[in-house]
Amino acid sequence: MSGQGSAGNTIAALASFFAPGLGQLIQGRPGIAIVHFIMAWLLWLILLGWIIHIVSCLDAAKWKPVLR
């Protein structure tokens, strides 16, 4: 079962560390991936991009898929 702490989420969190939004894209969430990517670029313009890197990693690590 995938969810918080799973290997898939760990890989997604590591991917988001290198490129914000990449982990969310790996998880199949393109909308939030674009938001994380754009926010990272905007925040790096004012030298606060490290914040979205942390948020992106945590979001990917804690995500739980909706079971239907």
C-alpha atoms as a PDB file:
ATOM      1  CA  MET A   1       0.000   0.000   0.000  1.00  0.00           C
ATOM      2  CA  SER A   2       1.366   3.423  -0.894  1.00  0.00           C
ATOM      3  CA  GLY A   3       1.163   6.358   1.445  1.00  0.00           C
ATOM      4  CA  GLN A   4       3.199   8.282   3.962  1.00  0.00           C
ATOM      5  CA  GLY A   5       6.571   6.638   4.500  1.00  0.00           C
ATOM      6  CA  SER A   6       6.310   4.332   1.481  1.00  0.00           C
ATOM      7  CA  ALA A   7       9.246   3.833  -0.863  1.00  0.00           C
ATOM      8  CA  GLY A   8       7.375   5.657  -3.639  1.00  0.00           C
ATOM      9  CA  ASN A   9       6.866   8.706  -1.447  1.00  0.00           C
ATOM     10  CA  THR A  10      10.500   8.644  -0.349  1.00  0.00           C
ATOM     11  CA  ILE A  11      11.616   8.674  -3.983  1.00  0.00           C
ATOM     12  CA  ALA A  12       9.131  11.468  -4.751  1.00  0.00           C
ATOM     13  CA  ALA A  13      10.420  13.518  -1.805  1.00  0.00           C
ATOM     14  CA  LEU A  14      14.010  13.099  -3.005  1.00  0.00           C
ATOM     15  CA  ALA A  15      12.981  14.096  -6.540  1.00  0.00           C
ATOM     16  CA  SER A  16      11.301  17.224  -5.150  1.00  0.00           C
ATOM     17  CA  PHE A  17      14.507  18.064  -3.310  1.00  0.00           C
ATOM     18  CA  PHE A  18      16.342  18.311  -6.635  1.00  0.00           C
ATOM     19  CA  ALA A  19      13.497  20.005  -8.538  1.00  0.00           C
ATOM     20  CA  PRO A  20      10.415  21.285  -6.693  1.00  0.00           C
ATOM     21  CA  GLY A  21       7.325  19.697  -8.204  1.00  0.00           C
ATOM     22  CA  LEU A  22       9.148  16.728  -9.710  1.00  0.00           C
ATOM     23  CA  GLY A  23       8.042  14.428  -6.883  1.00  0.00           C
ATOM     24  CA  GLN A  24       4.424  15.482  -7.303  1.00  0.00           C
ATOM     25  CA  LEU A  25       4.724  14.853 -11.032  1.00  0.00           C
ATOM     26  CA  ILE A  26       6.084  11.354 -10.337  1.00  0.00           C
ATOM     27  CA  GLN A  27       3.059  10.766  -8.089  1.00  0.00           C
ATOM     28  CA  GLY A  28       0.718  11.702 -10.942  1.00  0.00           C
ATOM     29  CA  ARG A  29      -0.281  15.142  -9.613  1.00  0.00           C
ATOM     30  CA  PRO A  30       0.609  17.522 -12.462  1.00  0.00           C
ATOM     31  CA  GLY A  31      -1.464  20.459 -11.183  1.00  0.00           C
ATOM     32  CA  ILE A  32       0.268  20.762  -7.830  1.00  0.00           C
ATOM     33  CA  ALA A  33       3.599  19.974  -9.533  1.00  0.00           C
ATOM     34  CA  ILE A  34       3.221  23.089 -11.693  1.00  0.00           C
ATOM     35  CA  VAL A  35       2.314  25.176  -8.622  1.00  0.00           C
ATOM     36  CA  HIS A  36       5.421  24.003  -6.741  1.00  0.00           C
ATOM     37  CA  PHE A  37       7.645  24.613  -9.763  1.00  0.00           C
ATOM     38  CA  ILE A  38       6.327  28.135 -10.392  1.00  0.00           C
ATOM     39  CA  MET A  39       6.460  29.052  -6.697  1.00  0.00           C
ATOM     40  CA  ALA A  40      10.079  27.874  -6.543  1.00  0.00           C
ATOM     41  CA  TRP A  41      11.072  30.094  -9.464  1.00  0.00           C
ATOM     42  CA  LEU A  42       9.233  33.090  -8.030  1.00  0.00           C
ATOM     43  CA  LEU A  43      10.690  32.618  -4.560  1.00  0.00           C
ATOM     44  CA  TRP A  44      14.229  32.117  -5.883  1.00  0.00           C
ATOM     45  CA  LEU A  45      13.967  35.599  -7.386  1.00  0.00           C
ATOM     46  CA  ILE A  46      13.911  36.951  -3.821  1.00  0.00           C
ATOM     47  CA  LEU A  47      16.318  34.303  -2.454  1.00  0.00           C
ATOM     48  CA  LEU A  48      13.647  32.328  -0.579  1.00  0.00           C
ATOM     49  CA  GLY A  49      13.474  29.344  -2.911  1.00  0.00           C
ATOM     50  CA  TRP A  50      14.759  27.005  -0.210  1.00  0.00           C
ATOM     51  CA  ILE A  51      11.361  27.385   1.506  1.00  0.00           C
ATOM     52  CA  ILE A  52       9.429  25.850  -1.397  1.00  0.00           C
ATOM     53  CA  HIS A  53      12.067  23.118  -1.677  1.00  0.00           C
ATOM     54  CA  ILE A  54      11.286  22.058   1.891  1.00  0.00           C
ATOM     55  CA  VAL A  55       7.512  22.380   1.387  1.00  0.00           C
ATOM     56  CA  SER A  56       7.685  20.368  -1.838  1.00  0.00           C
ATOM     57  CA  CYS A  57       9.680  17.560  -0.191  1.00  0.00           C
ATOM     58  CA  LEU A  58       7.302  17.383   2.770  1.00  0.00           C
ATOM     59  CA  ASP A  59       4.224  17.402   0.516  1.00  0.00           C
ATOM     60  CA  ALA A  60       5.581  14.522  -1.568  1.00  0.00           C
ATOM     61  CA  ALA A  61       6.571  12.538   1.529  1.00  0.00           C
ATOM     62  CA  LYS A  62       3.227  12.913   3.321  1.00  0.00           C
ATOM     63  CA  TRP A  63       0.854  12.457   0.357  1.00  0.00           C
ATOM     64  CA  LYS A  64      -1.683   9.658   0.576  1.00  0.00           C
ATOM     65  CA  PRO A  65      -3.553   8.539  -2.549  1.00  0.00           C
ATOM     66  CA  VAL A  66      -7.336   8.609  -2.404  1.00  0.00           C
ATOM     67  CA  LEU A  67      -8.718   5.073  -2.429  1.00  0.00           C
ATOM     68  CA  ARG A  68     -11.886   4.649  -4.460  1.00  0.00           C
END
